Each structure stands twice: as C-alpha cells, then as structure tokens.
Protein backbone atom coordinates (compact mmCIF):
# COMPACT_ATOMS: atom_id res chain seq x y z
CA MET A 1 0.00 0.00 0.00
CA LYS A 2 1.24 3.47 -0.80
CA GLY A 3 -0.12 6.17 1.47
CA ASP A 4 -3.61 5.44 2.69
CA ILE A 5 -5.01 4.30 -0.67
CA PRO A 6 -5.56 0.55 -1.08
CA ALA A 7 -3.41 -0.90 -3.89
CA SER A 8 -6.25 -1.82 -6.25
CA LYS A 9 -7.95 1.55 -5.75
CA ARG A 10 -4.59 3.23 -6.35
CA ASP A 11 -4.17 1.21 -9.55
CA ILE A 12 -7.51 2.53 -10.79
CA LEU A 13 -6.49 6.09 -9.99
CA VAL A 14 -3.05 5.73 -11.60
CA THR A 15 -4.68 4.39 -14.76
CA ILE A 16 -7.10 7.32 -14.86
CA SER A 17 -4.31 9.77 -14.10
CA ASN A 18 -2.07 8.43 -16.88
CA LYS A 19 -4.78 8.15 -19.51
CA TYR A 20 -6.36 11.53 -18.93
CA LYS A 21 -3.32 13.46 -17.72
CA ILE A 22 -4.91 14.35 -14.38
CA ASN A 23 -2.65 15.08 -11.45
CA MET A 24 -2.53 11.99 -9.23
CA LYS A 25 -2.64 14.13 -6.07
CA ILE A 26 -5.93 15.67 -7.19
CA LEU A 27 -7.44 12.24 -7.86
CA SER A 28 -6.11 10.92 -4.58
CA ASP A 29 -7.58 13.86 -2.65
CA ILE A 30 -10.95 13.40 -4.35
CA SER A 31 -11.06 9.69 -3.64
CA ARG A 32 -9.55 9.69 -0.13
CA ASN A 33 -12.97 9.48 1.53
CA LEU A 34 -14.25 6.73 -0.73
CA VAL A 35 -14.63 3.32 0.77
CA PHE A 36 -12.68 0.65 -1.04
CA GLY A 37 -14.86 -1.53 -3.21
CA ARG A 38 -18.10 -0.59 -4.93
CA LYS A 39 -17.90 3.15 -4.18
CA ALA A 40 -14.37 3.37 -5.54
CA GLU A 41 -15.38 1.46 -8.66
CA THR A 42 -18.44 3.69 -9.14
CA PHE A 43 -16.27 6.79 -8.68
CA ALA A 44 -13.77 5.55 -11.27
CA LEU A 45 -16.46 4.63 -13.79
CA ARG A 46 -18.23 7.98 -13.40
CA LEU A 47 -14.97 9.87 -13.74
CA VAL A 48 -14.02 7.94 -16.86
CA LYS A 49 -17.45 8.65 -18.37
CA ILE A 50 -17.12 12.37 -17.63
CA LEU A 51 -13.65 12.47 -19.14
CA GLU A 52 -14.73 10.52 -22.24
CA ASN A 53 -17.64 12.93 -22.74
CA GLU A 54 -15.25 15.87 -22.39
CA LYS A 55 -12.92 14.27 -24.93
CA GLU A 56 -15.78 13.72 -27.38
CA GLN A 57 -16.90 17.33 -26.92
CA LEU A 58 -13.36 18.59 -27.47
CA VAL A 59 -13.04 16.54 -30.68
CA LYS A 60 -16.37 17.94 -31.86
CA ASP A 61 -15.31 21.50 -30.99
CA PHE A 62 -12.02 21.05 -32.89
CA MET A 63 -13.90 19.68 -35.91
CA ASP A 64 -16.44 22.52 -35.87
CA ALA A 65 -13.66 25.10 -35.56
CA SER A 66 -11.75 23.48 -38.42
CA LYS A 67 -14.76 23.73 -40.72
CA ARG A 68 -15.46 27.34 -39.74
CA LEU A 69 -11.82 28.37 -40.14
CA PHE A 70 -11.66 26.74 -43.56
CA GLU A 71 -14.78 28.58 -44.71
CA GLU A 72 -13.30 31.86 -43.43
CA ALA A 73 -10.01 31.12 -45.22
CA ILE A 74 -11.88 30.57 -48.49
CA ALA A 75 -13.66 33.92 -48.05
CA TYR A 76 -10.32 35.65 -47.38
CA TYR A 77 -8.82 33.97 -50.45
CA GLU A 78 -11.71 35.04 -52.67
CA ASN A 79 -11.34 38.61 -51.40
CA LYS A 80 -7.57 38.56 -52.08
CA LEU A 81 -6.69 38.78 -48.38
CA TYR A 82 -3.96 36.23 -48.86
CA ASP A 83 -2.14 36.59 -45.53
CA LEU A 84 -5.37 36.04 -43.61
CA ALA A 85 -6.24 33.10 -45.88
CA ILE A 86 -2.90 31.43 -45.05
CA PHE A 87 -3.66 31.82 -41.33
CA GLY A 88 -7.12 30.32 -41.90
CA PHE A 89 -5.86 27.32 -43.87
CA HIS A 90 -3.13 26.72 -41.28
CA SER A 91 -5.58 26.98 -38.36
CA SER A 92 -8.15 24.80 -40.10
CA LEU A 93 -5.62 22.00 -40.57
CA GLU A 94 -4.29 22.44 -37.05
CA HIS A 95 -7.76 21.97 -35.53
CA LEU A 96 -8.56 19.01 -37.78
CA LEU A 97 -5.29 17.23 -37.03
CA LYS A 98 -5.64 17.88 -33.29
CA ALA A 99 -9.16 16.41 -33.38
CA LEU A 100 -7.93 13.32 -35.18
CA THR A 101 -4.94 12.71 -32.89
CA LEU A 102 -7.15 13.12 -29.83
CA LYS A 103 -9.88 10.87 -31.20
CA LYS A 104 -7.67 8.07 -32.55
CA TYR A 105 -4.63 8.13 -30.27
CA ASP A 106 -5.75 9.89 -27.09
CA ARG A 107 -3.01 12.45 -27.62
CA LYS A 108 -3.49 16.20 -27.42
CA PRO A 109 -0.77 17.94 -29.44
CA LEU A 110 -0.21 21.66 -28.95
CA TYR A 111 0.84 22.60 -32.48
CA LEU A 112 0.10 21.76 -36.10
CA LEU A 113 3.50 20.16 -36.71
CA GLU A 114 3.24 18.03 -33.59
CA ALA A 115 -0.14 16.69 -34.73
CA ALA A 116 1.15 16.17 -38.28
CA GLU A 117 4.16 14.25 -36.98
CA ILE A 118 1.93 11.91 -34.96
CA LEU A 119 -0.28 11.24 -37.97
CA PHE A 120 2.75 10.73 -40.23
CA GLU A 121 4.31 8.27 -37.76
CA GLU A 122 0.99 6.39 -37.56
CA GLY A 123 0.79 6.17 -41.37
CA ILE A 124 -2.33 8.35 -41.65
CA ILE A 125 -0.64 11.02 -43.78
CA SER A 126 2.12 10.51 -46.34
CA ARG A 127 5.61 12.02 -46.35
CA GLU A 128 4.48 14.35 -49.16
CA GLU A 129 1.50 15.55 -47.09
CA TYR A 130 3.67 15.94 -44.00
CA ASP A 131 6.18 18.02 -45.97
CA ALA A 132 3.36 20.15 -47.42
CA ILE A 133 2.04 20.80 -43.89
CA LYS A 134 5.56 21.83 -42.83
CA GLU A 135 5.74 24.22 -45.79
CA LEU A 136 2.32 25.68 -44.96
CA ASN A 137 3.50 26.15 -41.38
CA ALA A 138 6.61 27.96 -42.67
CA LEU A 139 4.43 30.26 -44.81
CA ARG A 140 2.32 31.11 -41.79
CA ASN A 141 5.40 31.68 -39.63
CA ASN A 142 6.93 34.00 -42.23
CA ILE A 143 3.80 36.13 -42.17
CA TYR A 144 3.51 36.12 -38.39
CA HIS A 145 7.14 36.41 -37.29
CA ILE A 146 8.86 38.41 -40.01
CA ALA A 147 5.89 40.15 -41.68
CA LYS A 148 6.68 38.58 -45.04
CA ARG A 149 3.66 39.05 -47.26
CA THR A 150 2.35 36.21 -49.36
CA GLY A 151 0.71 36.24 -52.78
CA GLU A 152 -1.99 34.52 -54.73
CA LYS A 153 0.25 31.66 -55.95
CA ASP A 154 1.30 30.53 -52.46
CA THR A 155 -2.22 30.99 -51.11
CA LYS A 156 -3.74 28.97 -53.94
CA TRP A 157 -1.23 26.21 -53.18
CA ALA A 158 -2.12 26.36 -49.47
CA LYS A 159 -5.82 26.13 -50.35
CA GLU A 160 -5.25 23.04 -52.49
CA VAL A 161 -3.09 21.35 -49.86
CA THR A 162 -5.67 22.03 -47.16
CA GLU A 163 -8.56 20.82 -49.33
CA ASN A 164 -6.72 17.60 -50.23
CA ILE A 165 -5.78 16.77 -46.66
CA ILE A 166 -9.28 17.55 -45.37
CA ARG A 167 -10.78 15.36 -48.08
CA LYS A 168 -8.41 12.48 -47.21
CA LEU A 169 -8.91 12.72 -43.44
CA LYS A 170 -12.72 12.77 -43.60
CA SER A 171 -12.62 8.98 -43.78
CA HIS A 172 -10.86 8.81 -40.42
C-alpha cells in the first residue's frame, strides 16, 4: 500500500491519471474518503465517463472550428486577403489534425506540426502531405514572425493542400 489508498484503488487512480493526464494528487484527494470496493469502482467509472464525454466534446469542438476556419479562409482567399487566408488554412488544418490525434490516439498535441508528426508516424498522412504541412507552417510563420507578405500563388497552393488533406482525413 502506498499512502492510505488501497493498492487496487490506487491502480484505478493511476490508470485514470495516466490516460487523462490528471494530477494523481488531485485524484487521490478526491477519492480519499471513498470506501474501497463498490464506491471506488463507481467513482472511477463515473470519472471515466465524464472524461470521455469531455474528450468527445473537445473533438467535436475542434472539428467545428476546423470547418469554420476553412470557410473563413476561403472567403479571405476570394477577397484577395492572402495573408489572412494562409492563417485560416493553417488553423483549419491544425484543428482538424488535433481532433484526429485526440480521437484516434488519445493524444493532445499543442501545435500543427506536432499533430502532423503523430499522424505521419501512424501512417495516416504521407511524407508528401507531412512536408506540405511543414511548408504551410513555414508560410504562416513568415507572415507572423517576419511580416513577409504572401501572394496569390502561395495561397492557392495552401488552399489546395488544405482541401486535399481535409478530403483524405474525412474517412478517419
């Protein structure tokens, strides 16, 4: 026994903590007053259900944001606001890839390239698609960090890359 938590109850809490990235101390404090056995099991099952629902909602929110950002990027592109369109295409892909990595692999990447790397390593996107995402990220970074303007050619390319990746990932 470690502390005052029975081993099997602790195992449940460690599993929940690891899977959902919840601080073990917080879980331990919450469960300290639970009686070992049925109450502990009920607590764990309820907590898992809450966390799964939150995960599903987060995936849905990422997907909704991805769609909205893509539609905004198209509007910017059509109105020749190319820098804003690049940001929109980048953000749209970032939200889509985050949703997919969370849904399929229970991982919550912080950035577009981190999500793209996970999906590349898992064989979901090809090397060519991964490289295109890296190039789109570089375009966005050039605009954001060094105020390098972009033009219609690069933005049209970004639009096509984003459309192709979105189309491919819809099946996942």
